[in-house]
Amino acid sequence: MELKFDNGVCDETKQFMSSVFEKLNNMGVLEECDMGAIRMLTVSYDMYVKASTNLLLNGPILYDKRDKPFINPAATLTKNYYAQVISFMKEFGLTIKSRENIKTLTPEVDEDNAIMGFIRNNKS
């Protein structure tokens, strides 16, 4: 498998997604069918970076020709893309909390778990 980037993806996204791809690949959890979700994470992260950069440069409030204030549309975009990125990252175990949940399911932790022992001993 190879990570490919569409035209227009910013360098920050390329760097982040390359490290994400490498981590998941090294863990051995990445399969070919996951590449669609990796692409969705890439697009969402790239849009988050671009929207948040706009928000930081121009601020949360913009003004029209009549000097009437309005909320920078980048604020809404940043919020929406942030939620998408976090959702994808949780699915891949890339947040601190989701990594902890994955670690609790490892055999070393479950070795002395009474419920897991019962399930192992009663498999058909």
PDB file of N, CA and C in Angstrom:
ATOM      1  N   MET A   1       0.834  -1.183   0.000  1.00  0.00           N
ATOM      2  CA  MET A   1       0.000   0.000   0.000  1.00  0.00           C
ATOM      3  C   MET A   1       0.877   1.244   0.000  1.00  0.00           C
ATOM      4  N   GLU A   2       0.365   2.241  -0.645  1.00  0.00           N
ATOM      5  CA  GLU A   2       1.102   3.489  -0.747  1.00  0.00           C
ATOM      6  C   GLU A   2       0.145   4.651  -0.505  1.00  0.00           C
ATOM      7  N   LEU A   3       0.623   5.636   0.226  1.00  0.00           N
ATOM      8  CA  LEU A   3      -0.167   6.827   0.486  1.00  0.00           C
ATOM      9  C   LEU A   3       0.079   7.823  -0.642  1.00  0.00           C
ATOM     10  N   LYS A   4      -0.991   8.230  -1.299  1.00  0.00           N
ATOM     11  CA  LYS A   4      -0.899   9.210  -2.379  1.00  0.00           C
ATOM     12  C   LYS A   4      -1.721  10.432  -1.993  1.00  0.00           C
ATOM     13  N   PHE A   5      -1.248  11.600  -2.418  1.00  0.00           N
ATOM     14  CA  PHE A   5      -1.939  12.845  -2.115  1.00  0.00           C
ATOM     15  C   PHE A   5      -2.496  13.462  -3.391  1.00  0.00           C
ATOM     16  N   ASP A   6      -3.708  14.003  -3.286  1.00  0.00           N
ATOM     17  CA  ASP A   6      -4.309  14.730  -4.392  1.00  0.00           C
ATOM     18  C   ASP A   6      -3.607  16.074  -4.542  1.00  0.00           C
ATOM     19  N   ASN A   7      -3.726  16.664  -5.735  1.00  0.00           N
ATOM     20  CA  ASN A   7      -3.190  18.009  -5.960  1.00  0.00           C
ATOM     21  C   ASN A   7      -3.879  18.980  -5.010  1.00  0.00           C
ATOM     22  N   GLY A   8      -3.133  19.930  -4.516  1.00  0.00           N
ATOM     23  CA  GLY A   8      -3.714  20.958  -3.663  1.00  0.00           C
ATOM     24  C   GLY A   8      -3.639  20.665  -2.180  1.00  0.00           C
ATOM     25  N   VAL A   9      -3.209  19.472  -1.801  1.00  0.00           N
ATOM     26  CA  VAL A   9      -3.076  19.140  -0.377  1.00  0.00           C
ATOM     27  C   VAL A   9      -1.855  19.883   0.159  1.00  0.00           C
ATOM     28  N   CYS A  10      -2.037  20.589   1.273  1.00  0.00           N
ATOM     29  CA  CYS A  10      -0.949  21.414   1.814  1.00  0.00           C
ATOM     30  C   CYS A  10       0.144  20.551   2.456  1.00  0.00           C
ATOM     31  N   ASP A  11       1.321  21.141   2.608  1.00  0.00           N
ATOM     32  CA  ASP A  11       2.473  20.427   3.158  1.00  0.00           C
ATOM     33  C   ASP A  11       2.224  19.939   4.584  1.00  0.00           C
ATOM     34  N   GLU A  12       1.530  20.742   5.388  1.00  0.00           N
ATOM     35  CA  GLU A  12       1.244  20.335   6.770  1.00  0.00           C
ATOM     36  C   GLU A  12       0.423  19.047   6.790  1.00  0.00           C
ATOM     37  N   THR A  13      -0.555  18.944   5.895  1.00  0.00           N
ATOM     38  CA  THR A  13      -1.376  17.737   5.808  1.00  0.00           C
ATOM     39  C   THR A  13      -0.537  16.557   5.339  1.00  0.00           C
ATOM     40  N   LYS A  14       0.299  16.776   4.344  1.00  0.00           N
ATOM     41  CA  LYS A  14       1.158  15.700   3.847  1.00  0.00           C
ATOM     42  C   LYS A  14       2.052  15.154   4.950  1.00  0.00           C
ATOM     43  N   GLN A  15       2.620  16.048   5.725  1.00  0.00           N
ATOM     44  CA  GLN A  15       3.508  15.639   6.815  1.00  0.00           C
ATOM     45  C   GLN A  15       2.731  14.858   7.883  1.00  0.00           C
ATOM     46  N   PHE A  16       1.586  15.382   8.286  1.00  0.00           N
ATOM     47  CA  PHE A  16       0.771  14.723   9.309  1.00  0.00           C
ATOM     48  C   PHE A  16       0.290  13.357   8.832  1.00  0.00           C
ATOM     49  N   MET A  17      -0.273  13.305   7.637  1.00  0.00           N
ATOM     50  CA  MET A  17      -0.835  12.059   7.133  1.00  0.00           C
ATOM     51  C   MET A  17       0.249  11.021   6.847  1.00  0.00           C
ATOM     52  N   SER A  18       1.426  11.460   6.461  1.00  0.00           N
ATOM     53  CA  SER A  18       2.532  10.523   6.266  1.00  0.00           C
ATOM     54  C   SER A  18       2.893   9.847   7.585  1.00  0.00           C
ATOM     55  N   SER A  19       2.927  10.617   8.673  1.00  0.00           N
ATOM     56  CA  SER A  19       3.235  10.024   9.980  1.00  0.00           C
ATOM     57  C   SER A  19       2.098   9.125  10.462  1.00  0.00           C
ATOM     58  N   VAL A  20       0.850   9.512  10.193  1.00  0.00           N
ATOM     59  CA  VAL A  20      -0.297   8.669  10.554  1.00  0.00           C
ATOM     60  C   VAL A  20      -0.240   7.354   9.789  1.00  0.00           C
ATOM     61  N   PHE A  21      -0.008   7.443   8.498  1.00  0.00           N
ATOM     62  CA  PHE A  21       0.056   6.249   7.648  1.00  0.00           C
ATOM     63  C   PHE A  21       1.184   5.333   8.104  1.00  0.00           C
ATOM     64  N   GLU A  22       2.348   5.900   8.391  1.00  0.00           N
ATOM     65  CA  GLU A  22       3.486   5.105   8.843  1.00  0.00           C
ATOM     66  C   GLU A  22       3.177   4.411  10.174  1.00  0.00           C
ATOM     67  N   LYS A  23       2.563   5.141  11.103  1.00  0.00           N
ATOM     68  CA  LYS A  23       2.230   4.555  12.405  1.00  0.00           C
ATOM     69  C   LYS A  23       1.257   3.394  12.248  1.00  0.00           C
ATOM     70  N   LEU A  24       0.195   3.605  11.485  1.00  0.00           N
ATOM     71  CA  LEU A  24      -0.795   2.553  11.293  1.00  0.00           C
ATOM     72  C   LEU A  24      -0.213   1.367  10.537  1.00  0.00           C
ATOM     73  N   ASN A  25       0.619   1.650   9.576  1.00  0.00           N
ATOM     74  CA  ASN A  25       1.252   0.582   8.798  1.00  0.00           C
ATOM     75  C   ASN A  25       2.191  -0.240   9.683  1.00  0.00           C
ATOM     76  N   ASN A  26       2.975   0.431  10.530  1.00  0.00           N
ATOM     77  CA  ASN A  26       3.886  -0.262  11.447  1.00  0.00           C
ATOM     78  C   ASN A  26       3.141  -1.101  12.481  1.00  0.00           C
ATOM     79  N   MET A  27       1.949  -0.654  12.851  1.00  0.00           N
ATOM     80  CA  MET A  27       1.132  -1.419  13.808  1.00  0.00           C
ATOM     81  C   MET A  27       0.521  -2.652  13.142  1.00  0.00           C
ATOM     82  N   GLY A  28       0.519  -2.673  11.823  1.00  0.00           N
ATOM     83  CA  GLY A  28      -0.027  -3.805  11.100  1.00  0.00           C
ATOM     84  C   GLY A  28      -1.549  -3.850  11.089  1.00  0.00           C
ATOM     85  N   VAL A  29      -2.174  -2.713  11.339  1.00  0.00           N
ATOM     86  CA  VAL A  29      -3.643  -2.683  11.386  1.00  0.00           C
ATOM     87  C   VAL A  29      -4.270  -2.152  10.106  1.00  0.00           C
ATOM     88  N   LEU A  30      -3.444  -1.631   9.223  1.00  0.00           N
ATOM     89  CA  LEU A  30      -3.954  -1.004   8.015  1.00  0.00           C
ATOM     90  C   LEU A  30      -4.148  -2.041   6.920  1.00  0.00           C
ATOM     91  N   GLU A  31      -5.321  -2.035   6.323  1.00  0.00           N
ATOM     92  CA  GLU A  31      -5.618  -2.928   5.215  1.00  0.00           C
ATOM     93  C   GLU A  31      -6.013  -2.082   4.006  1.00  0.00           C
ATOM     94  N   GLU A  32      -5.995  -2.703   2.842  1.00  0.00           N
ATOM     95  CA  GLU A  32      -6.312  -1.983   1.600  1.00  0.00           C
ATOM     96  C   GLU A  32      -7.684  -1.304   1.681  1.00  0.00           C
ATOM     97  N   CYS A  33      -8.636  -1.956   2.333  1.00  0.00           N
ATOM     98  CA  CYS A  33      -9.987  -1.386   2.426  1.00  0.00           C
ATOM     99  C   CYS A  33     -10.039  -0.136   3.309  1.00  0.00           C
ATOM    100  N   ASP A  34      -8.982   0.132   4.072  1.00  0.00           N
ATOM    101  CA  ASP A  34      -8.935   1.321   4.924  1.00  0.00           C
ATOM    102  C   ASP A  34      -8.492   2.566   4.172  1.00  0.00           C
ATOM    103  N   MET A  35      -8.026   2.399   2.949  1.00  0.00           N
ATOM    104  CA  MET A  35      -7.468   3.536   2.220  1.00  0.00           C
ATOM    105  C   MET A  35      -8.516   4.606   1.911  1.00  0.00           C
ATOM    106  N   GLY A  36      -9.769   4.215   1.756  1.00  0.00           N
ATOM    107  CA  GLY A  36     -10.828   5.211   1.563  1.00  0.00           C
ATOM    108  C   GLY A  36     -10.985   6.094   2.784  1.00  0.00           C
ATOM    109  N   ALA A  37     -10.955   5.476   3.966  1.00  0.00           N
ATOM    110  CA  ALA A  37     -11.061   6.251   5.205  1.00  0.00           C
ATOM    111  C   ALA A  37      -9.826   7.106   5.419  1.00  0.00           C
ATOM    112  N   ILE A  38      -8.657   6.597   5.024  1.00  0.00           N
ATOM    113  CA  ILE A  38      -7.428   7.395   5.114  1.00  0.00           C
ATOM    114  C   ILE A  38      -7.549   8.623   4.217  1.00  0.00           C
ATOM    115  N   ARG A  39      -8.119   8.454   3.036  1.00  0.00           N
ATOM    116  CA  ARG A  39      -8.314   9.587   2.130  1.00  0.00           C
ATOM    117  C   ARG A  39      -9.300  10.590   2.740  1.00  0.00           C
ATOM    118  N   MET A  40     -10.385  10.080   3.342  1.00  0.00           N
ATOM    119  CA  MET A  40     -11.354  10.986   3.975  1.00  0.00           C
ATOM    120  C   MET A  40     -10.711  11.764   5.111  1.00  0.00           C
ATOM    121  N   LEU A  41      -9.863  11.098   5.912  1.00  0.00           N
ATOM    122  CA  LEU A  41      -9.143  11.788   6.978  1.00  0.00           C
ATOM    123  C   LEU A  41      -8.210  12.839   6.382  1.00  0.00           C
ATOM    124  N   THR A  42      -7.542  12.494   5.294  1.00  0.00           N
ATOM    125  CA  THR A  42      -6.635  13.437   4.637  1.00  0.00           C
ATOM    126  C   THR A  42      -7.383  14.690   4.178  1.00  0.00           C
ATOM    127  N   VAL A  43      -8.509  14.496   3.511  1.00  0.00           N
ATOM    128  CA  VAL A  43      -9.295  15.635   3.016  1.00  0.00           C
ATOM    129  C   VAL A  43      -9.819  16.466   4.187  1.00  0.00           C
ATOM    130  N   SER A  44     -10.371  15.805   5.192  1.00  0.00           N
ATOM    131  CA  SER A  44     -10.919  16.536   6.349  1.00  0.00           C
ATOM    132  C   SER A  44      -9.822  17.310   7.068  1.00  0.00           C
ATOM    133  N   TYR A  45      -8.668  16.672   7.260  1.00  0.00           N
ATOM    134  CA  TYR A  45      -7.568  17.349   7.948  1.00  0.00           C
ATOM    135  C   TYR A  45      -7.077  18.537   7.122  1.00  0.00           C
ATOM    136  N   ASP A  46      -6.957  18.345   5.814  1.00  0.00           N
ATOM    137  CA  ASP A  46      -6.495  19.432   4.949  1.00  0.00           C
ATOM    138  C   ASP A  46      -7.468  20.608   4.985  1.00  0.00           C
ATOM    139  N   MET A  47      -8.756  20.322   4.939  1.00  0.00           N
ATOM    140  CA  MET A  47      -9.754  21.399   4.999  1.00  0.00           C
ATOM    141  C   MET A  47      -9.733  22.078   6.366  1.00  0.00           C
ATOM    142  N   TYR A  48      -9.508  21.303   7.428  1.00  0.00           N
ATOM    143  CA  TYR A  48      -9.385  21.881   8.770  1.00  0.00           C
ATOM    144  C   TYR A  48      -8.195  22.842   8.826  1.00  0.00           C
ATOM    145  N   VAL A  49      -7.057  22.400   8.308  1.00  0.00           N
ATOM    146  CA  VAL A  49      -5.854  23.245   8.324  1.00  0.00           C
ATOM    147  C   VAL A  49      -6.098  24.532   7.557  1.00  0.00           C
ATOM    148  N   LYS A  50      -6.677  24.431   6.378  1.00  0.00           N
ATOM    149  CA  LYS A  50      -6.907  25.616   5.548  1.00  0.00           C
ATOM    150  C   LYS A  50      -7.934  26.561   6.165  1.00  0.00           C
ATOM    151  N   ALA A  51      -9.018  26.008   6.714  1.00  0.00           N
ATOM    152  CA  ALA A  51     -10.041  26.855   7.344  1.00  0.00           C
ATOM    153  C   ALA A  51      -9.495  27.522   8.606  1.00  0.00           C
ATOM    154  N   SER A  52      -8.756  26.762   9.425  1.00  0.00           N
ATOM    155  CA  SER A  52      -8.238  27.341  10.667  1.00  0.00           C
ATOM    156  C   SER A  52      -7.153  28.378  10.382  1.00  0.00           C
ATOM    157  N   THR A  53      -6.376  28.188   9.321  1.00  0.00           N
ATOM    158  CA  THR A  53      -5.382  29.191   8.930  1.00  0.00           C
ATOM    159  C   THR A  53      -6.086  30.489   8.526  1.00  0.00           C
ATOM    160  N   ASN A  54      -7.159  30.366   7.755  1.00  0.00           N
ATOM    161  CA  ASN A  54      -7.944  31.544   7.374  1.00  0.00           C
ATOM    162  C   ASN A  54      -8.503  32.234   8.612  1.00  0.00           C
ATOM    163  N   LEU A  55      -9.021  31.452   9.526  1.00  0.00           N
ATOM    164  CA  LEU A  55      -9.601  31.998  10.758  1.00  0.00           C
ATOM    165  C   LEU A  55      -8.539  32.744  11.569  1.00  0.00           C
ATOM    166  N   LEU A  56      -7.356  32.173  11.675  1.00  0.00           N
ATOM    167  CA  LEU A  56      -6.287  32.827  12.426  1.00  0.00           C
ATOM    168  C   LEU A  56      -5.802  34.104  11.738  1.00  0.00           C
ATOM    169  N   LEU A  57      -5.751  34.085  10.420  1.00  0.00           N
ATOM    170  CA  LEU A  57      -5.285  35.264   9.679  1.00  0.00           C
ATOM    171  C   LEU A  57      -6.306  36.399   9.684  1.00  0.00           C
ATOM    172  N   ASN A  58      -7.580  36.055   9.504  1.00  0.00           N
ATOM    173  CA  ASN A  58      -8.608  37.082   9.329  1.00  0.00           C
ATOM    174  C   ASN A  58      -9.484  37.321  10.553  1.00  0.00           C
ATOM    175  N   GLY A  59      -9.379  36.442  11.545  1.00  0.00           N
ATOM    176  CA  GLY A  59     -10.165  36.601  12.760  1.00  0.00           C
ATOM    177  C   GLY A  59     -11.574  36.040  12.618  1.00  0.00           C
ATOM    178  N   PRO A  60     -12.273  35.940  13.726  1.00  0.00           N
ATOM    179  CA  PRO A  60     -13.608  35.342  13.706  1.00  0.00           C
ATOM    180  C   PRO A  60     -14.700  36.267  13.176  1.00  0.00           C
ATOM    181  N   ILE A  61     -14.433  37.556  13.161  1.00  0.00           N
ATOM    182  CA  ILE A  61     -15.424  38.533  12.698  1.00  0.00           C
ATOM    183  C   ILE A  61     -14.875  39.260  11.470  1.00  0.00           C
ATOM    184  N   LEU A  62     -15.684  39.275  10.411  1.00  0.00           N
ATOM    185  CA  LEU A  62     -15.347  40.015   9.201  1.00  0.00           C
ATOM    186  C   LEU A  62     -16.351  41.151   9.028  1.00  0.00           C
ATOM    187  N   TYR A  63     -16.081  42.059   8.111  1.00  0.00           N
ATOM    188  CA  TYR A  63     -16.975  43.202   7.888  1.00  0.00           C
ATOM    189  C   TYR A  63     -17.295  43.303   6.402  1.00  0.00           C
ATOM    190  N   ASP A  64     -18.570  43.572   6.111  1.00  0.00           N
ATOM    191  CA  ASP A  64     -18.966  43.730   4.707  1.00  0.00           C
ATOM    192  C   ASP A  64     -18.668  45.158   4.241  1.00  0.00           C
ATOM    193  N   LYS A  65     -19.125  45.490   3.035  1.00  0.00           N
ATOM    194  CA  LYS A  65     -18.846  46.811   2.447  1.00  0.00           C
ATOM    195  C   LYS A  65     -19.417  47.959   3.269  1.00  0.00           C
ATOM    196  N   ARG A  66     -20.478  47.670   3.998  1.00  0.00           N
ATOM    197  CA  ARG A  66     -21.116  48.715   4.823  1.00  0.00           C
ATOM    198  C   ARG A  66     -20.596  48.715   6.256  1.00  0.00           C
ATOM    199  N   ASP A  67     -19.519  47.997   6.476  1.00  0.00           N
ATOM    200  CA  ASP A  67     -18.892  47.884   7.790  1.00  0.00           C
ATOM    201  C   ASP A  67     -19.765  47.142   8.797  1.00  0.00           C
ATOM    202  N   LYS A  68     -20.657  46.310   8.300  1.00  0.00           N
ATOM    203  CA  LYS A  68     -21.506  45.489   9.168  1.00  0.00           C
ATOM    204  C   LYS A  68     -20.757  44.179   9.468  1.00  0.00           C
ATOM    205  N   PRO A  69     -20.619  43.839  10.751  1.00  0.00           N
ATOM    206  CA  PRO A  69     -19.871  42.623  11.096  1.00  0.00           C
ATOM    207  C   PRO A  69     -20.662  41.340  10.781  1.00  0.00           C
ATOM    208  N   PHE A  70     -19.917  40.305  10.422  1.00  0.00           N
ATOM    209  CA  PHE A  70     -20.505  38.977  10.253  1.00  0.00           C
ATOM    210  C   PHE A  70     -19.447  37.934  10.626  1.00  0.00           C
ATOM    211  N   ILE A  71     -19.920  36.772  10.987  1.00  0.00           N
ATOM    212  CA  ILE A  71     -19.009  35.709  11.409  1.00  0.00           C
ATOM    213  C   ILE A  71     -18.261  35.159  10.202  1.00  0.00           C
ATOM    214  N   ASN A  72     -16.978  35.016  10.362  1.00  0.00           N
ATOM    215  CA  ASN A  72     -16.135  34.456   9.314  1.00  0.00           C
ATOM    216  C   ASN A  72     -16.606  33.018   9.034  1.00  0.00           C
ATOM    217  N   PRO A  73     -16.969  32.693   7.800  1.00  0.00           N
ATOM    218  CA  PRO A  73     -17.404  31.329   7.474  1.00  0.00           C
ATOM    219  C   PRO A  73     -16.352  30.274   7.819  1.00  0.00           C
ATOM    220  N   ALA A  74     -15.100  30.682   7.895  1.00  0.00           N
ATOM    221  CA  ALA A  74     -14.032  29.750   8.259  1.00  0.00           C
ATOM    222  C   ALA A  74     -14.203  29.230   9.687  1.00  0.00           C
ATOM    223  N   ALA A  75     -14.891  30.001  10.535  1.00  0.00           N
ATOM    224  CA  ALA A  75     -15.129  29.541  11.911  1.00  0.00           C
ATOM    225  C   ALA A  75     -15.998  28.291  11.915  1.00  0.00           C
ATOM    226  N   THR A  76     -17.059  28.306  11.136  1.00  0.00           N
ATOM    227  CA  THR A  76     -17.948  27.140  11.038  1.00  0.00           C
ATOM    228  C   THR A  76     -17.228  25.974  10.376  1.00  0.00           C
ATOM    229  N   LEU A  77     -16.504  26.258   9.302  1.00  0.00           N
ATOM    230  CA  LEU A  77     -15.761  25.204   8.609  1.00  0.00           C
ATOM    231  C   LEU A  77     -14.737  24.557   9.535  1.00  0.00           C
ATOM    232  N   THR A  78     -14.007  25.382  10.281  1.00  0.00           N
ATOM    233  CA  THR A  78     -13.002  24.856  11.207  1.00  0.00           C
ATOM    234  C   THR A  78     -13.652  23.914  12.212  1.00  0.00           C
ATOM    235  N   LYS A  79     -14.769  24.339  12.774  1.00  0.00           N
ATOM    236  CA  LYS A  79     -15.481  23.514  13.762  1.00  0.00           C
ATOM    237  C   LYS A  79     -15.952  22.198  13.149  1.00  0.00           C
ATOM    238  N   ASN A  80     -16.536  22.259  11.977  1.00  0.00           N
ATOM    239  CA  ASN A  80     -17.059  21.050  11.336  1.00  0.00           C
ATOM    240  C   ASN A  80     -15.943  20.082  10.940  1.00  0.00           C
ATOM    241  N   TYR A  81     -14.884  20.599  10.351  1.00  0.00           N
ATOM    242  CA  TYR A  81     -13.786  19.721   9.949  1.00  0.00           C
ATOM    243  C   TYR A  81     -13.042  19.171  11.154  1.00  0.00           C
ATOM    244  N   TYR A  82     -12.940  19.942  12.220  1.00  0.00           N
ATOM    245  CA  TYR A  82     -12.321  19.452  13.457  1.00  0.00           C
ATOM    246  C   TYR A  82     -13.084  18.221  13.954  1.00  0.00           C
ATOM    247  N   ALA A  83     -14.412  18.301  13.973  1.00  0.00           N
ATOM    248  CA  ALA A  83     -15.235  17.170  14.432  1.00  0.00           C
ATOM    249  C   ALA A  83     -15.015  15.946  13.546  1.00  0.00           C
ATOM    250  N   GLN A  84     -14.915  16.156  12.241  1.00  0.00           N
ATOM    251  CA  GLN A  84     -14.680  15.031  11.331  1.00  0.00           C
ATOM    252  C   GLN A  84     -13.314  14.402  11.573  1.00  0.00           C
ATOM    253  N   VAL A  85     -12.302  15.230  11.738  1.00  0.00           N
ATOM    254  CA  VAL A  85     -10.949  14.729  11.965  1.00  0.00           C
ATOM    255  C   VAL A  85     -10.901  13.904  13.252  1.00  0.00           C
ATOM    256  N   ILE A  86     -11.476  14.417  14.313  1.00  0.00           N
ATOM    257  CA  ILE A  86     -11.466  13.694  15.590  1.00  0.00           C
ATOM    258  C   ILE A  86     -12.203  12.365  15.451  1.00  0.00           C
ATOM    259  N   SER A  87     -13.302  12.359  14.748  1.00  0.00           N
ATOM    260  CA  SER A  87     -14.065  11.130  14.534  1.00  0.00           C
ATOM    261  C   SER A  87     -13.220  10.076  13.815  1.00  0.00           C
ATOM    262  N   PHE A  88     -12.560  10.470  12.738  1.00  0.00           N
ATOM    263  CA  PHE A  88     -11.686   9.536  12.015  1.00  0.00           C
ATOM    264  C   PHE A  88     -10.528   9.077  12.889  1.00  0.00           C
ATOM    265  N   MET A  89      -9.940  10.010  13.631  1.00  0.00           N
ATOM    266  CA  MET A  89      -8.795   9.657  14.464  1.00  0.00           C
ATOM    267  C   MET A  89      -9.191   8.659  15.552  1.00  0.00           C
ATOM    268  N   LYS A  90     -10.383   8.798  16.106  1.00  0.00           N
ATOM    269  CA  LYS A  90     -10.859   7.829  17.101  1.00  0.00           C
ATOM    270  C   LYS A  90     -11.001   6.450  16.474  1.00  0.00           C
ATOM    271  N   GLU A  91     -11.530   6.402  15.261  1.00  0.00           N
ATOM    272  CA  GLU A  91     -11.713   5.125  14.563  1.00  0.00           C
ATOM    273  C   GLU A  91     -10.389   4.407  14.352  1.00  0.00           C
ATOM    274  N   PHE A  92      -9.337   5.156  14.089  1.00  0.00           N
ATOM    275  CA  PHE A  92      -8.032   4.565  13.837  1.00  0.00           C
ATOM    276  C   PHE A  92      -7.190   4.429  15.108  1.00  0.00           C
ATOM    277  N   GLY A  93      -7.735   4.809  16.266  1.00  0.00           N
ATOM    278  CA  GLY A  93      -6.975   4.705  17.508  1.00  0.00           C
ATOM    279  C   GLY A  93      -5.865   5.728  17.606  1.00  0.00           C
ATOM    280  N   LEU A  94      -6.089   6.912  17.056  1.00  0.00           N
ATOM    281  CA  LEU A  94      -5.051   7.937  17.006  1.00  0.00           C
ATOM    282  C   LEU A  94      -5.213   9.041  18.039  1.00  0.00           C
ATOM    283  N   THR A  95      -6.202   8.935  18.900  1.00  0.00           N
ATOM    284  CA  THR A  95      -6.314   9.893  19.993  1.00  0.00           C
ATOM    285  C   THR A  95      -5.797   9.211  21.263  1.00  0.00           C
ATOM    286  N   ILE A  96      -5.429   9.991  22.248  1.00  0.00           N
ATOM    287  CA  ILE A  96      -4.906   9.420  23.490  1.00  0.00           C
ATOM    288  C   ILE A  96      -5.922   8.469  24.112  1.00  0.00           C
ATOM    289  N   LYS A  97      -7.163   8.898  24.187  1.00  0.00           N
ATOM    290  CA  LYS A  97      -8.200   8.065  24.809  1.00  0.00           C
ATOM    291  C   LYS A  97      -8.464   6.796  24.003  1.00  0.00           C
ATOM    292  N   SER A  98      -8.538   6.898  22.678  1.00  0.00           N
ATOM    293  CA  SER A  98      -8.810   5.707  21.880  1.00  0.00           C
ATOM    294  C   SER A  98      -7.631   4.733  21.931  1.00  0.00           C
ATOM    295  N   ARG A  99      -6.405   5.234  22.047  1.00  0.00           N
ATOM    296  CA  ARG A  99      -5.244   4.351  22.204  1.00  0.00           C
ATOM    297  C   ARG A  99      -5.323   3.606  23.525  1.00  0.00           C
ATOM    298  N   GLU A 100      -5.759   4.293  24.587  1.00  0.00           N
ATOM    299  CA  GLU A 100      -5.907   3.634  25.887  1.00  0.00           C
ATOM    300  C   GLU A 100      -6.939   2.521  25.806  1.00  0.00           C
ATOM    301  N   ASN A 101      -8.063   2.759  25.124  1.00  0.00           N
ATOM    302  CA  ASN A 101      -9.088   1.728  24.977  1.00  0.00           C
ATOM    303  C   ASN A 101      -8.561   0.529  24.204  1.00  0.00           C
ATOM    304  N   ILE A 102      -7.762   0.781  23.184  1.00  0.00           N
ATOM    305  CA  ILE A 102      -7.188  -0.316  22.413  1.00  0.00           C
ATOM    306  C   ILE A 102      -6.208  -1.102  23.266  1.00  0.00           C
ATOM    307  N   LYS A 103      -5.409  -0.416  24.071  1.00  0.00           N
ATOM    308  CA  LYS A 103      -4.448  -1.091  24.937  1.00  0.00           C
ATOM    309  C   LYS A 103      -5.152  -1.982  25.957  1.00  0.00           C
ATOM    310  N   THR A 104      -6.343  -1.588  26.416  1.00  0.00           N
ATOM    311  CA  THR A 104      -7.034  -2.397  27.410  1.00  0.00           C
ATOM    312  C   THR A 104      -7.561  -3.692  26.828  1.00  0.00           C
ATOM    313  N   LEU A 105      -7.563  -3.813  25.519  1.00  0.00           N
ATOM    314  CA  LEU A 105      -8.043  -5.028  24.879  1.00  0.00           C
ATOM    315  C   LEU A 105      -6.916  -5.976  24.497  1.00  0.00           C
ATOM    316  N   THR A 106      -5.694  -5.663  24.884  1.00  0.00           N
ATOM    317  CA  THR A 106      -4.576  -6.522  24.526  1.00  0.00           C
ATOM    318  C   THR A 106      -4.561  -7.771  25.394  1.00  0.00           C
ATOM    319  N   PRO A 107      -3.997  -8.885  24.892  1.00  0.00           N
ATOM    320  CA  PRO A 107      -3.981 -10.145  25.639  1.00  0.00           C
ATOM    321  C   PRO A 107      -3.306 -10.044  26.997  1.00  0.00           C
ATOM    322  N   GLU A 108      -2.232  -9.229  27.120  1.00  0.00           N
ATOM    323  CA  GLU A 108      -1.549  -9.131  28.404  1.00  0.00           C
ATOM    324  C   GLU A 108      -2.490  -8.625  29.496  1.00  0.00           C
ATOM    325  N   VAL A 109      -3.337  -7.676  29.165  1.00  0.00           N
ATOM    326  CA  VAL A 109      -4.264  -7.125  30.142  1.00  0.00           C
ATOM    327  C   VAL A 109      -5.381  -8.120  30.436  1.00  0.00           C
ATOM    328  N   ASP A 110      -5.856  -8.806  29.406  1.00  0.00           N
ATOM    329  CA  ASP A 110      -6.994  -9.708  29.559  1.00  0.00           C
ATOM    330  C   ASP A 110      -6.613 -11.090  30.078  1.00  0.00           C
ATOM    331  N   GLU A 111      -5.330 -11.360  30.256  1.00  0.00           N
ATOM    332  CA  GLU A 111      -4.874 -12.683  30.673  1.00  0.00           C
ATOM    333  C   GLU A 111      -5.529 -13.148  31.973  1.00  0.00           C
ATOM    334  N   ASP A 112      -5.640 -12.250  32.965  1.00  0.00           N
ATOM    335  CA  ASP A 112      -6.211 -12.645  34.251  1.00  0.00           C
ATOM    336  C   ASP A 112      -7.664 -12.172  34.433  1.00  0.00           C
ATOM    337  N   ASN A 113      -8.285 -11.733  33.360  1.00  0.00           N
ATOM    338  CA  ASN A 113      -9.663 -11.269  33.397  1.00  0.00           C
ATOM    339  C   ASN A 113     -10.598 -12.481  33.478  1.00  0.00           C
ATOM    340  N   ALA A 114     -11.461 -12.528  34.505  1.00  0.00           N
ATOM    341  CA  ALA A 114     -12.339 -13.679  34.728  1.00  0.00           C
ATOM    342  C   ALA A 114     -13.310 -13.898  33.569  1.00  0.00           C
ATOM    343  N   ILE A 115     -13.843 -12.832  33.031  1.00  0.00           N
ATOM    344  CA  ILE A 115     -14.782 -12.964  31.917  1.00  0.00           C
ATOM    345  C   ILE A 115     -14.073 -13.511  30.688  1.00  0.00           C
ATOM    346  N   MET A 116     -12.878 -13.005  30.394  1.00  0.00           N
ATOM    347  CA  MET A 116     -12.128 -13.496  29.238  1.00  0.00           C
ATOM    348  C   MET A 116     -11.741 -14.960  29.445  1.00  0.00           C
ATOM    349  N   GLY A 117     -11.390 -15.345  30.677  1.00  0.00           N
ATOM    350  CA  GLY A 117     -11.083 -16.747  30.969  1.00  0.00           C
ATOM    351  C   GLY A 117     -12.284 -17.633  30.721  1.00  0.00           C
ATOM    352  N   PHE A 118     -13.452 -17.182  31.141  1.00  0.00           N
ATOM    353  CA  PHE A 118     -14.684 -17.939  30.921  1.00  0.00           C
ATOM    354  C   PHE A 118     -14.946 -18.126  29.429  1.00  0.00           C
ATOM    355  N   ILE A 119     -14.786 -17.039  28.665  1.00  0.00           N
ATOM    356  CA  ILE A 119     -15.021 -17.104  27.214  1.00  0.00           C
ATOM    357  C   ILE A 119     -14.021 -18.049  26.561  1.00  0.00           C
ATOM    358  N   ARG A 120     -12.749 -17.971  26.946  1.00  0.00           N
ATOM    359  CA  ARG A 120     -11.728 -18.850  26.359  1.00  0.00           C
ATOM    360  C   ARG A 120     -12.025 -20.312  26.671  1.00  0.00           C
ATOM    361  N   ASN A 121     -12.439 -20.591  27.888  1.00  0.00           N
ATOM    362  CA  ASN A 121     -12.674 -21.971  28.320  1.00  0.00           C
ATOM    363  C   ASN A 121     -13.975 -22.552  27.778  1.00  0.00           C
ATOM    364  N   ASN A 122     -14.894 -21.721  27.337  1.00  0.00           N
ATOM    365  CA  ASN A 122     -16.195 -22.214  26.885  1.00  0.00           C
ATOM    366  C   ASN A 122     -16.421 -22.032  25.391  1.00  0.00           C
ATOM    367  N   LYS A 123     -15.329 -21.909  24.646  1.00  0.00           N
ATOM    368  CA  LYS A 123     -15.475 -21.814  23.192  1.00  0.00           C
ATOM    369  C   LYS A 123     -15.873 -23.180  22.647  1.00  0.00           C
ATOM    370  N   SER A 124     -16.746 -23.171  21.671  1.00  0.00           N
ATOM    371  CA  SER A 124     -17.220 -24.431  21.086  1.00  0.00           C
ATOM    372  C   SER A 124     -16.240 -25.006  20.114  1.00  0.00           C
TER     373      SER A 124
END
